[in-house]
Each structure stands twice: as structure tokens, then as C-alpha cells.
N, C-alpha and C. Protein backbone atom coordinates (compact mmCIF):
# COMPACT_ATOMS: atom_id res chain seq x y z
N MET A 1 12.80 10.91 1.71
CA MET A 1 12.60 9.63 1.80
C MET A 1 13.70 9.04 1.36
N THR A 2 14.05 7.73 1.92
CA THR A 2 14.80 6.99 1.57
C THR A 2 15.26 6.00 0.51
N ARG A 3 15.31 5.69 -0.43
CA ARG A 3 15.42 4.81 -1.33
C ARG A 3 15.56 3.60 -0.99
N ARG A 4 14.56 2.55 -1.31
CA ARG A 4 15.25 1.29 -0.64
C ARG A 4 14.73 0.42 -1.57
N LEU A 5 15.53 -0.99 -1.35
CA LEU A 5 15.32 -2.23 -2.40
C LEU A 5 14.05 -2.77 -1.29
N LEU A 6 13.09 -3.40 -2.49
CA LEU A 6 12.17 -4.18 -1.32
C LEU A 6 12.57 -5.51 -0.81
N PRO A 7 12.36 -5.20 0.24
CA PRO A 7 12.72 -6.11 0.99
C PRO A 7 13.70 -7.41 0.79
N LEU A 8 14.81 -7.75 1.11
CA LEU A 8 15.38 -8.85 0.16
C LEU A 8 15.19 -10.07 1.44
N ALA A 9 15.88 -9.69 2.10
CA ALA A 9 16.46 -11.52 3.16
C ALA A 9 16.57 -11.93 4.21
N LEU A 10 16.18 -11.55 5.44
CA LEU A 10 15.88 -11.82 6.53
C LEU A 10 14.54 -13.06 6.88
N LEU A 11 13.87 -12.19 6.66
CA LEU A 11 12.37 -12.34 6.98
C LEU A 11 11.51 -13.02 5.19
N ALA A 12 11.06 -13.95 5.56
CA ALA A 12 10.36 -14.89 4.38
C ALA A 12 8.91 -15.03 4.95
N LEU A 13 8.46 -14.13 4.26
CA LEU A 13 6.89 -14.66 4.27
C LEU A 13 6.81 -15.25 2.74
N VAL A 14 6.07 -16.59 3.03
CA VAL A 14 5.89 -17.02 1.82
C VAL A 14 4.46 -17.52 1.61
N ALA A 15 3.25 -16.89 1.04
CA ALA A 15 1.67 -17.15 0.42
C ALA A 15 2.13 -17.97 -0.51
N LEU A 16 1.68 -19.72 -0.01
CA LEU A 16 1.37 -20.67 -0.61
C LEU A 16 0.17 -20.92 -1.46
N PRO A 17 -0.31 -21.26 -3.05
CA PRO A 17 -1.85 -22.16 -3.01
C PRO A 17 -1.27 -23.33 -2.33
N ALA A 18 -2.41 -23.98 -1.57
CA ALA A 18 -1.64 -25.20 -1.55
C ALA A 18 -1.39 -26.24 -2.37
N THR A 19 -0.61 -26.71 -1.79
CA THR A 19 0.08 -27.61 -3.09
C THR A 19 -0.31 -28.89 -2.68
N PRO A 20 -0.12 -30.14 -3.11
CA PRO A 20 -0.61 -31.67 -3.36
C PRO A 20 -0.30 -31.94 -1.74
N ALA A 21 1.25 -31.76 -1.66
CA ALA A 21 2.27 -32.18 -0.45
C ALA A 21 1.49 -31.49 0.98
N LEU A 22 0.49 -30.68 0.48
CA LEU A 22 0.34 -29.64 1.94
C LEU A 22 -1.21 -29.47 1.94
N ALA A 23 -1.74 -30.00 0.67
CA ALA A 23 -2.84 -28.95 1.26
C ALA A 23 -4.26 -29.97 1.04
N ASP A 24 -5.42 -29.83 1.41
CA ASP A 24 -6.57 -30.18 0.99
C ASP A 24 -6.65 -30.24 -0.04
N ASP A 25 -8.15 -31.20 -0.27
CA ASP A 25 -8.59 -31.48 -1.74
C ASP A 25 -9.09 -30.46 -2.41
N ASP A 26 -9.55 -29.29 -1.65
CA ASP A 26 -10.18 -28.40 -2.01
C ASP A 26 -9.48 -27.38 -2.51
N ASP A 27 -8.33 -27.19 -2.15
CA ASP A 27 -7.43 -26.39 -2.17
C ASP A 27 -6.19 -26.66 -3.51
N ARG A 28 -5.83 -27.38 -3.73
CA ARG A 28 -4.75 -27.82 -4.85
C ARG A 28 -5.20 -26.99 -6.31
N ASP A 29 -5.97 -26.56 -6.45
CA ASP A 29 -6.46 -26.12 -7.74
C ASP A 29 -6.57 -24.63 -7.43
N SER A 30 -6.32 -24.02 -6.78
CA SER A 30 -6.94 -22.84 -6.47
C SER A 30 -6.41 -22.06 -7.73
N GLY A 31 -5.10 -21.83 -8.52
CA GLY A 31 -4.86 -21.47 -9.18
C GLY A 31 -4.33 -19.90 -8.99
N HIS A 32 -4.04 -19.74 -7.66
CA HIS A 32 -3.52 -18.50 -6.76
C HIS A 32 -1.99 -18.29 -7.39
N PRO A 33 -1.32 -17.65 -8.02
CA PRO A 33 0.42 -17.30 -7.72
C PRO A 33 1.08 -17.52 -6.40
N ASN A 34 2.22 -18.43 -6.50
CA ASN A 34 2.98 -18.37 -5.64
C ASN A 34 3.46 -16.68 -5.15
N VAL A 35 3.53 -16.52 -3.90
CA VAL A 35 4.04 -15.14 -3.82
C VAL A 35 4.93 -15.55 -2.62
N VAL A 36 6.72 -15.16 -2.86
CA VAL A 36 7.64 -14.72 -1.90
C VAL A 36 8.15 -13.97 -1.67
N VAL A 37 8.06 -13.06 -0.50
CA VAL A 37 8.86 -11.96 0.20
C VAL A 37 10.03 -12.36 1.32
N ILE A 38 10.79 -11.51 0.81
CA ILE A 38 11.97 -11.77 1.30
C ILE A 38 12.55 -10.39 2.01
N MET A 39 12.55 -10.30 3.29
CA MET A 39 12.31 -9.37 3.94
C MET A 39 13.81 -8.61 4.42
N THR A 40 14.83 -7.60 4.50
CA THR A 40 16.01 -7.37 4.94
C THR A 40 15.85 -6.10 5.86
N ASP A 41 16.69 -5.94 6.97
CA ASP A 41 16.25 -4.53 7.53
C ASP A 41 17.45 -3.58 7.08
N ASP A 42 17.27 -2.35 6.73
CA ASP A 42 18.38 -0.98 6.94
C ASP A 42 19.42 -1.41 5.70
N GLN A 43 18.51 -1.87 4.44
CA GLN A 43 19.39 -2.16 3.35
C GLN A 43 19.07 -1.26 2.46
N ASP A 44 19.72 -0.76 1.78
CA ASP A 44 19.89 0.70 0.83
C ASP A 44 20.45 0.01 -0.46
N PHE A 45 20.37 0.77 -1.70
CA PHE A 45 20.21 0.63 -2.95
C PHE A 45 22.01 -0.03 -3.19
N ARG A 46 22.55 0.33 -2.69
CA ARG A 46 24.11 0.38 -2.89
C ARG A 46 24.38 -0.96 -2.26
N SER A 47 23.55 -1.69 -1.42
CA SER A 47 24.12 -3.18 -1.03
C SER A 47 23.59 -3.75 -1.67
N LEU A 48 23.05 -4.38 -2.91
CA LEU A 48 23.26 -5.47 -3.95
C LEU A 48 23.82 -5.39 -4.46
N PRO A 49 24.92 -4.54 -5.43
CA PRO A 49 25.49 -4.14 -6.28
C PRO A 49 26.63 -5.33 -5.42
N VAL A 50 27.06 -5.64 -4.56
CA VAL A 50 28.18 -5.67 -3.89
C VAL A 50 27.87 -7.63 -3.17
N MET A 51 26.55 -8.25 -3.70
CA MET A 51 25.79 -9.26 -3.38
C MET A 51 25.69 -10.27 -4.48
N PRO A 52 26.57 -10.78 -4.88
CA PRO A 52 26.54 -11.14 -6.99
C PRO A 52 25.53 -12.58 -6.57
N LYS A 53 25.74 -13.39 -5.01
CA LYS A 53 25.31 -14.61 -5.12
C LYS A 53 23.53 -14.19 -4.83
N THR A 54 23.53 -13.02 -4.46
CA THR A 54 22.10 -13.18 -3.75
C THR A 54 21.27 -12.43 -5.04
N ARG A 55 22.24 -11.58 -5.73
CA ARG A 55 21.67 -11.03 -7.10
C ARG A 55 21.07 -12.46 -8.16
N ARG A 56 22.47 -13.38 -7.84
CA ARG A 56 21.90 -14.59 -9.00
C ARG A 56 20.87 -15.95 -8.59
N LEU A 57 20.79 -15.82 -7.27
CA LEU A 57 19.95 -16.67 -6.73
C LEU A 57 18.44 -16.57 -6.35
N ILE A 58 18.43 -15.26 -6.38
CA ILE A 58 17.06 -14.63 -6.20
C ILE A 58 16.59 -13.45 -7.18
N ALA A 59 17.42 -11.96 -6.87
CA ALA A 59 16.85 -11.14 -8.07
C ALA A 59 17.06 -11.43 -9.38
N ASP A 60 17.65 -12.06 -9.98
CA ASP A 60 17.67 -12.42 -11.33
C ASP A 60 16.68 -13.63 -11.29
N ARG A 61 16.13 -14.48 -11.20
CA ARG A 61 15.11 -15.15 -10.87
C ARG A 61 13.64 -14.49 -10.61
N GLY A 62 13.72 -13.71 -9.88
CA GLY A 62 12.29 -12.83 -9.55
C GLY A 62 11.88 -11.85 -10.28
N THR A 63 11.34 -10.70 -9.29
CA THR A 63 11.06 -9.74 -9.56
C THR A 63 11.90 -8.29 -8.46
N THR A 64 12.33 -7.42 -9.25
CA THR A 64 13.23 -6.57 -8.03
C THR A 64 11.91 -5.04 -8.85
N PHE A 65 12.09 -4.04 -7.39
CA PHE A 65 11.74 -3.16 -8.12
C PHE A 65 13.00 -2.30 -7.91
N ALA A 66 13.21 -1.44 -8.90
CA ALA A 66 14.44 -0.22 -9.16
C ALA A 66 14.33 1.02 -8.09
N GLN A 67 12.78 1.42 -8.41
CA GLN A 67 12.52 2.91 -8.08
C GLN A 67 11.59 2.51 -6.87
N THR A 68 12.02 2.28 -5.79
CA THR A 68 11.03 2.46 -5.50
C THR A 68 11.17 3.82 -3.59
N VAL A 69 10.46 3.62 -2.67
CA VAL A 69 10.78 4.40 -1.85
C VAL A 69 9.68 3.63 -0.43
N VAL A 70 10.10 4.33 0.68
CA VAL A 70 9.55 3.92 1.55
C VAL A 70 9.52 5.06 2.57
N ASN A 71 8.09 5.06 3.00
CA ASN A 71 7.67 6.62 4.06
C ASN A 71 8.28 6.32 5.49
N TYR A 72 8.81 5.32 5.78
CA TYR A 72 9.05 5.63 7.17
C TYR A 72 10.50 4.68 6.95
N PRO A 73 11.67 4.74 6.75
CA PRO A 73 12.85 3.91 6.62
C PRO A 73 13.38 3.18 8.37
N LEU A 74 12.38 2.71 8.52
CA LEU A 74 12.95 2.16 10.16
C LEU A 74 12.85 0.92 10.26
N CYS A 75 13.21 0.08 10.73
CA CYS A 75 12.58 -1.25 10.82
C CYS A 75 11.76 -1.70 11.52
N CYS A 76 10.43 -1.47 12.29
CA CYS A 76 9.38 -2.14 12.36
C CYS A 76 7.94 -0.69 11.98
N PRO A 77 8.29 0.19 11.67
CA PRO A 77 7.61 1.15 11.47
C PRO A 77 7.88 0.56 9.29
N SER A 78 8.24 0.37 8.86
CA SER A 78 8.43 -0.40 7.88
C SER A 78 7.74 -1.96 7.61
N ARG A 79 7.69 -2.26 8.47
CA ARG A 79 7.44 -4.04 8.59
C ARG A 79 6.09 -3.48 8.52
N ALA A 80 5.63 -2.85 9.12
CA ALA A 80 4.21 -2.88 10.10
C ALA A 80 3.14 -2.31 8.68
N THR A 81 3.98 -1.32 7.99
CA THR A 81 3.36 -1.36 6.87
C THR A 81 3.48 -2.09 5.44
N PHE A 82 4.44 -3.00 5.52
CA PHE A 82 4.07 -4.12 4.17
C PHE A 82 3.23 -4.46 5.05
N TYR A 83 2.58 -5.08 6.52
CA TYR A 83 1.93 -5.89 7.07
C TYR A 83 0.33 -5.22 6.64
N THR A 84 0.37 -4.41 7.04
CA THR A 84 -1.47 -3.59 7.24
C THR A 84 -1.26 -2.68 6.30
N GLY A 85 -0.19 -2.45 5.03
CA GLY A 85 -0.82 -1.35 4.23
C GLY A 85 -0.97 -0.29 4.31
N GLU A 86 -0.95 0.27 5.71
CA GLU A 86 -0.79 1.77 5.92
C GLU A 86 0.57 2.63 6.66
N TYR A 87 0.24 3.79 6.57
CA TYR A 87 1.26 4.67 7.13
C TYR A 87 1.31 4.40 8.41
N ALA A 88 2.95 5.04 8.71
CA ALA A 88 3.06 4.64 10.06
C ALA A 88 2.38 5.65 11.01
N HIS A 89 1.36 6.35 10.29
CA HIS A 89 0.21 7.83 11.40
C HIS A 89 -0.85 6.50 11.45
N ASN A 90 -0.86 6.17 11.01
CA ASN A 90 -2.15 5.05 10.84
C ASN A 90 -1.87 3.97 11.55
N HIS A 91 -0.93 3.22 11.43
CA HIS A 91 -0.84 2.13 11.87
C HIS A 91 -0.40 1.97 13.31
N HIS A 92 0.00 3.64 13.86
CA HIS A 92 0.85 3.81 15.29
C HIS A 92 1.81 2.94 15.78
N VAL A 93 2.89 2.80 14.54
CA VAL A 93 3.85 1.89 14.96
C VAL A 93 4.93 3.16 14.57
N LEU A 94 5.75 3.41 15.34
CA LEU A 94 6.30 4.42 14.85
C LEU A 94 7.87 4.29 15.43
N TRP A 95 7.97 3.41 16.13
CA TRP A 95 9.44 3.26 16.47
C TRP A 95 9.70 1.42 16.59
N ASN A 96 11.04 1.57 16.92
CA ASN A 96 11.44 -0.09 17.45
C ASN A 96 11.11 -0.49 18.45
N ASN A 97 10.78 0.05 19.93
CA ASN A 97 10.82 -0.71 20.86
C ASN A 97 9.20 0.12 21.33
N PHE A 98 9.38 -0.51 22.38
CA PHE A 98 7.50 -0.16 23.18
C PHE A 98 7.96 1.27 23.81
N PRO A 99 6.98 2.03 23.94
CA PRO A 99 5.79 2.56 24.20
C PRO A 99 5.58 2.82 22.32
N GLN A 100 6.32 3.02 21.87
CA GLN A 100 6.23 3.99 20.30
C GLN A 100 6.18 3.10 19.28
N GLY A 101 6.44 1.83 19.31
CA GLY A 101 6.61 0.69 18.42
C GLY A 101 7.01 -0.58 19.13
N GLY A 102 7.29 -1.75 18.27
CA GLY A 102 7.56 -2.82 18.67
C GLY A 102 6.08 -3.63 18.09
N TYR A 103 6.59 -4.74 18.33
CA TYR A 103 5.35 -5.65 18.35
C TYR A 103 3.81 -5.43 18.83
N ARG A 104 4.20 -5.21 19.92
CA ARG A 104 2.73 -4.63 21.01
C ARG A 104 1.90 -3.41 20.68
N LYS A 105 2.77 -2.55 19.51
CA LYS A 105 2.10 -1.83 18.91
C LYS A 105 1.24 -2.11 17.99
N LEU A 106 1.65 -3.08 17.50
CA LEU A 106 0.90 -3.71 15.99
C LEU A 106 -0.38 -4.21 16.19
N ASP A 107 -1.71 -3.37 15.11
CA ASP A 107 -2.75 -4.16 15.78
C ASP A 107 -2.81 -5.58 14.35
N SER A 108 -2.72 -6.33 15.19
CA SER A 108 -2.30 -8.11 14.21
C SER A 108 -3.82 -8.33 13.25
N SER A 109 -4.64 -7.87 14.04
CA SER A 109 -6.07 -8.57 13.69
C SER A 109 -6.51 -8.19 11.98
N GLN A 110 -5.76 -7.02 11.51
CA GLN A 110 -5.88 -6.33 9.83
C GLN A 110 -4.57 -6.70 9.36
N THR A 111 -3.81 -7.90 8.96
CA THR A 111 -2.67 -7.82 8.28
C THR A 111 -3.04 -8.68 7.52
N LEU A 112 -2.13 -8.26 6.25
CA LEU A 112 -1.49 -9.37 5.46
C LEU A 112 -1.85 -10.58 5.41
N PRO A 113 -1.37 -11.66 6.03
CA PRO A 113 -1.29 -13.05 6.32
C PRO A 113 -3.08 -13.17 6.23
N ILE A 114 -3.36 -12.57 7.40
CA ILE A 114 -5.30 -12.94 7.76
C ILE A 114 -5.99 -12.45 6.01
N TRP A 115 -5.31 -11.71 5.20
CA TRP A 115 -5.93 -11.51 3.65
C TRP A 115 -5.89 -12.29 3.12
N LEU A 116 -4.40 -12.96 3.17
CA LEU A 116 -4.03 -13.88 2.10
C LEU A 116 -5.11 -15.16 2.26
N LYS A 117 -4.84 -15.36 3.66
CA LYS A 117 -5.51 -16.80 4.32
C LYS A 117 -7.00 -16.92 3.92
N ARG A 118 -7.64 -15.50 3.77
CA ARG A 118 -9.13 -15.38 3.36
C ARG A 118 -8.87 -15.44 2.03
N ALA A 119 -7.91 -14.95 0.93
CA ALA A 119 -8.27 -15.28 -0.23
C ALA A 119 -7.74 -16.99 -0.71
N GLY A 120 -7.60 -17.81 0.64
CA GLY A 120 -7.18 -19.35 -0.13
C GLY A 120 -5.57 -19.68 -0.53
N TYR A 121 -5.06 -19.04 0.14
CA TYR A 121 -3.80 -18.98 0.39
C TYR A 121 -3.24 -19.67 1.56
N ARG A 122 -1.86 -20.24 1.45
CA ARG A 122 -1.53 -20.76 2.92
C ARG A 122 -0.68 -19.82 2.92
N THR A 123 -0.08 -20.10 4.29
CA THR A 123 1.21 -18.83 4.55
C THR A 123 2.11 -19.57 5.36
N ILE A 124 2.97 -18.84 5.37
CA ILE A 124 4.15 -19.32 6.48
C ILE A 124 4.81 -17.99 6.66
N HIS A 125 5.18 -18.03 7.77
CA HIS A 125 6.64 -16.74 8.13
C HIS A 125 7.78 -17.70 9.09
N ILE A 126 9.04 -17.12 8.48
CA ILE A 126 10.40 -17.80 9.05
C ILE A 126 11.22 -16.74 8.81
N GLY A 127 11.97 -16.09 10.07
CA GLY A 127 12.72 -15.45 10.80
C GLY A 127 12.10 -14.37 11.29
N LYS A 128 12.96 -13.01 11.63
CA LYS A 128 12.16 -12.08 11.98
C LYS A 128 11.05 -11.79 11.74
N TYR A 129 9.88 -11.19 12.79
CA TYR A 129 8.65 -10.58 12.52
C TYR A 129 8.78 -9.20 12.90
N LEU A 130 8.46 -8.62 14.29
CA LEU A 130 8.97 -7.06 14.62
C LEU A 130 9.75 -7.48 16.04
N ASN A 131 10.53 -6.40 16.05
CA ASN A 131 11.28 -6.26 17.32
C ASN A 131 9.94 -6.06 18.36
N GLU A 132 10.78 -6.83 19.46
CA GLU A 132 10.24 -7.16 20.74
C GLU A 132 9.38 -8.31 20.36
N TYR A 133 8.96 -9.03 19.52
CA TYR A 133 7.91 -10.07 19.32
C TYR A 133 8.76 -11.08 20.28
N GLY A 134 7.32 -12.02 21.12
CA GLY A 134 7.95 -12.83 21.81
C GLY A 134 8.27 -12.53 22.89
N GLU A 135 8.82 -11.60 23.82
CA GLU A 135 8.98 -10.74 24.82
C GLU A 135 8.24 -11.10 25.87
N ASP A 136 6.95 -10.55 25.78
CA ASP A 136 5.80 -11.61 26.76
C ASP A 136 5.26 -12.25 26.32
N ARG A 137 4.81 -12.59 24.93
CA ARG A 137 4.19 -13.71 25.08
C ARG A 137 5.15 -15.62 23.85
N PRO A 138 6.03 -15.75 24.23
CA PRO A 138 6.94 -16.25 23.54
C PRO A 138 6.26 -17.15 22.68
N THR A 139 5.10 -18.19 23.09
CA THR A 139 4.57 -19.31 22.30
C THR A 139 3.27 -18.51 21.69
N GLU A 140 3.37 -17.29 21.53
CA GLU A 140 1.92 -16.69 20.39
C GLU A 140 2.27 -17.15 19.77
N VAL A 141 1.78 -16.96 18.72
CA VAL A 141 1.57 -16.85 16.68
C VAL A 141 0.83 -16.26 16.27
N PRO A 142 1.05 -15.11 15.38
CA PRO A 142 0.01 -14.06 15.47
C PRO A 142 -0.64 -14.58 14.25
N PRO A 143 -2.08 -13.94 14.07
CA PRO A 143 -3.15 -14.47 13.40
C PRO A 143 -2.63 -14.47 11.81
N GLY A 144 -3.13 -15.95 11.18
CA GLY A 144 -3.30 -15.71 9.68
C GLY A 144 -2.10 -16.25 9.24
N TRP A 145 -1.63 -16.85 10.23
CA TRP A 145 -0.31 -17.98 9.52
C TRP A 145 -0.34 -19.07 10.24
N ASP A 146 -0.37 -20.21 8.78
CA ASP A 146 -0.58 -21.28 8.69
C ASP A 146 0.48 -22.03 9.43
N ASP A 147 1.88 -21.52 9.17
CA ASP A 147 2.66 -22.03 9.58
C ASP A 147 3.43 -20.84 10.16
N TRP A 148 4.23 -21.22 11.71
CA TRP A 148 5.14 -19.94 12.42
C TRP A 148 6.32 -20.42 12.32
N TYR A 149 7.54 -20.02 12.01
CA TYR A 149 8.85 -20.03 12.81
C TYR A 149 9.60 -18.92 12.98
N GLY A 150 8.90 -18.08 14.07
CA GLY A 150 9.09 -16.75 14.43
C GLY A 150 10.41 -16.63 15.15
N GLY A 151 11.62 -15.68 14.93
CA GLY A 151 12.77 -15.35 16.14
C GLY A 151 11.88 -14.71 17.22
N VAL A 152 12.32 -15.35 18.32
CA VAL A 152 12.03 -14.55 19.31
C VAL A 152 12.60 -13.96 20.36
N ASP A 153 12.76 -12.57 20.44
CA ASP A 153 13.56 -11.48 21.31
C ASP A 153 13.27 -12.12 22.34
N PRO A 154 14.63 -11.49 23.26
CA PRO A 154 16.13 -10.83 22.84
C PRO A 154 16.88 -11.62 22.05
N THR A 155 16.75 -13.22 21.28
CA THR A 155 17.40 -14.03 21.08
C THR A 155 17.66 -13.88 18.88
N THR A 156 16.93 -13.29 18.61
CA THR A 156 16.22 -12.65 17.38
C THR A 156 17.70 -12.37 16.61
N TYR A 157 18.58 -11.81 17.38
CA TYR A 157 19.79 -11.47 16.41
C TYR A 157 20.88 -11.85 16.44
N ASP A 158 20.88 -13.29 17.59
CA ASP A 158 21.70 -13.84 17.47
C ASP A 158 22.19 -15.07 16.82
N TYR A 159 23.05 -15.57 15.95
CA TYR A 159 23.45 -16.28 15.09
C TYR A 159 23.59 -17.80 15.62
N TYR A 160 23.72 -18.04 16.36
CA TYR A 160 23.71 -19.21 17.18
C TYR A 160 23.10 -18.66 19.00
N GLY A 161 22.49 -20.24 19.03
CA GLY A 161 22.00 -19.82 20.48
C GLY A 161 20.16 -19.10 19.99
N MET A 162 19.34 -19.02 19.09
CA MET A 162 18.67 -18.14 18.90
C MET A 162 17.37 -19.34 19.74
N THR A 163 16.51 -18.36 19.55
CA THR A 163 14.86 -19.14 20.09
C THR A 163 13.87 -19.10 18.93
N ILE A 164 13.52 -20.18 18.83
CA ILE A 164 12.98 -20.35 16.95
C ILE A 164 11.34 -20.83 18.11
N ASN A 165 10.34 -20.35 17.70
CA ASN A 165 8.86 -20.07 17.84
C ASN A 165 8.13 -21.38 16.91
N HIS A 166 8.33 -22.53 17.04
CA HIS A 166 7.96 -23.28 16.10
C HIS A 166 6.13 -23.83 16.19
N ASN A 167 5.88 -23.09 15.41
CA ASN A 167 3.89 -23.27 15.85
C ASN A 167 3.44 -23.28 17.24
N GLY A 168 4.00 -22.41 18.07
CA GLY A 168 3.53 -22.39 19.17
C GLY A 168 4.83 -23.16 20.22
N THR A 169 5.77 -23.71 19.81
CA THR A 169 6.59 -24.89 20.75
C THR A 169 7.96 -24.30 20.65
N LEU A 170 8.72 -23.44 21.59
CA LEU A 170 10.12 -23.05 21.82
C LEU A 170 10.75 -24.08 21.65
N ARG A 171 11.66 -23.53 20.12
CA ARG A 171 13.34 -24.13 20.18
C ARG A 171 14.34 -23.47 20.30
N THR A 172 15.80 -23.71 21.21
CA THR A 172 16.61 -22.91 21.03
C THR A 172 17.46 -23.74 20.16
N TYR A 173 18.16 -23.12 19.35
CA TYR A 173 19.49 -23.84 18.49
C TYR A 173 20.50 -23.87 19.54
N GLY A 174 21.66 -24.35 18.83
CA GLY A 174 23.36 -24.19 19.18
C GLY A 174 23.46 -23.30 19.73
N ARG A 175 24.78 -23.04 20.35
CA ARG A 175 24.89 -21.80 21.00
C ARG A 175 26.56 -21.67 20.37
N THR A 176 27.08 -23.01 19.64
CA THR A 176 28.25 -22.44 18.83
C THR A 176 27.86 -23.00 17.41
N PRO A 177 28.73 -22.87 16.53
CA PRO A 177 28.63 -23.17 14.88
C PRO A 177 29.08 -24.49 14.95
N MET A 178 28.14 -25.40 13.83
CA MET A 178 28.68 -26.40 13.05
C MET A 178 30.15 -25.95 12.50
N PRO A 179 31.26 -27.15 13.25
CA PRO A 179 32.22 -27.09 12.01
C PRO A 179 32.05 -27.37 10.52
N ALA A 180 33.00 -26.85 9.92
CA ALA A 180 32.73 -26.97 8.30
C ALA A 180 32.87 -28.17 8.06
N TRP A 181 33.28 -29.20 8.63
CA TRP A 181 33.48 -30.77 8.03
C TRP A 181 32.06 -31.28 8.05
N ARG A 182 31.27 -30.44 9.26
CA ARG A 182 30.25 -31.82 9.79
C ARG A 182 29.17 -31.33 8.72
N ARG A 183 29.08 -29.90 8.75
CA ARG A 183 28.33 -29.32 7.50
C ARG A 183 28.42 -29.95 6.25
N ARG A 184 29.64 -29.95 5.86
CA ARG A 184 29.76 -31.19 4.16
C ARG A 184 29.33 -32.34 4.42
N ARG A 185 29.77 -33.26 5.74
CA ARG A 185 29.00 -34.58 5.90
C ARG A 185 27.67 -34.77 6.22
N SER A 186 26.83 -33.70 6.55
CA SER A 186 25.67 -33.87 6.74
C SER A 186 24.77 -33.36 5.85
N GLY A 187 24.97 -32.63 5.02
CA GLY A 187 24.59 -32.35 3.95
C GLY A 187 23.33 -31.31 4.01
N PRO A 188 22.59 -30.37 3.10
CA PRO A 188 21.88 -29.68 3.55
C PRO A 188 20.37 -30.25 4.09
N ARG A 189 19.94 -29.27 5.19
CA ARG A 189 18.62 -30.51 5.55
C ARG A 189 17.02 -30.33 4.59
N ARG A 190 16.69 -31.38 4.65
CA ARG A 190 15.39 -31.39 3.50
C ARG A 190 13.73 -30.84 4.33
N GLY A 191 12.98 -30.23 3.79
CA GLY A 191 11.59 -30.14 4.86
C GLY A 191 11.73 -29.45 5.77
N ALA A 192 12.63 -28.43 6.34
CA ALA A 192 13.11 -28.03 7.88
C ALA A 192 11.89 -27.39 8.03
N ALA A 193 11.25 -26.67 7.03
CA ALA A 193 9.71 -25.99 7.10
C ALA A 193 9.11 -26.52 6.73
N SER A 194 8.45 -27.68 6.23
CA SER A 194 7.48 -28.76 5.89
C SER A 194 7.08 -29.51 6.64
N ARG A 195 6.12 -29.84 6.31
CA ARG A 195 5.25 -31.20 7.18
C ARG A 195 5.31 -32.30 6.47
N SER A 196 6.19 -33.13 7.71
CA SER A 196 7.03 -34.75 6.99
C SER A 196 5.23 -35.72 6.31
N SER A 197 5.80 -36.06 5.38
CA SER A 197 4.70 -36.92 4.65
C SER A 197 4.56 -38.56 5.81
């Protein structure tokens, strides 16, 4: 087994108790703690020491696990284990691509977002889900997600020109990077993943 840090950066699963800006009155006082998971692929214990900003902005402000292991250190089997709580031989996602693995192999009917929703959490997914997500049904939103911003394969790995499924509507982003002068003038985008009031 390979030692790994708990997933850190590409996929964010945010399970939020309903907040006043986003919630029904019944959910505002749920008392559930916020849970944020940031997941990366192929990151071992040697990666974090060379990422000072990640350590300062994320690891130092949250929980890290210094002594962790994964039973199957490969992208899709690991992600499927995270979402199901099962070992790969039980969830049957044994590789990154179909027919042995990938999105189509995952039984999405019993996964973490469904359980969190049943417990009163509000869920949002941003980024990569599992390999080959969106190749067959690009507008599909897997069960359990209140908000979904999932990367659609084969563009998931493109820094520019990627297609994102925004709650069932596809949006393809520009093919070229924004010039630095424009990024400075435009400032940070506010509310990119939240509903406007």
C-alpha cells in the first residue's frame, strides 16, 4: 500500500448545512458542521512540502492526516472508494477506464452525496468526478448533488477549453488563457458557484 495524503486539490466536495443565503428556513439551524474535501490524483506524501501556499491556505487551517493509506492507489478506484466507503473489490471500479472502471462502473445509487443529503446537508461538486464522466450523457448530474459543476470528459484535463456541466447545462470555457493585465483588472469572480440573490 502506498502512503498518501488525504485528497487535497482538484475536486471539491462541499457538503454544507444550509446557510441563510442558500437554504430553506427548516435547514438554517441544522447544527451540522461544514465539511469540505479537496481531492487530487496521484499526490503522495512528498508533494505537500513543496506546496507552501497550499499548506498555508488549506492544510494549516484544516485537518490533515499524516499517517494515511489507500487500498488501491489509482484515480477511479480511489475516488469510488471515497464515494462508497467500500474497497474496490466491492464497488467493482477496478481501473480508470471502462470496462474495468471509470464512471460507468460506479453504482451511484448509494454514495456519499446521497447519504449527506439524507442527513440534512447541502452538497456541491466542483471539478473532476470520475474518469469518463460525461462521455455518454454529458448533461447527467449524478444523484445526491444539490449543485453540480462537473468536468466533462474528454475535456476534464484541459486548462483551457474545458466543458463543465453546470447543473445539467453544458458550458465550454475559452481556449486561451486570460492575459495577466485583464486578470488584475477584473479581480476575483464573486459567487461563481453560488446562487445569486
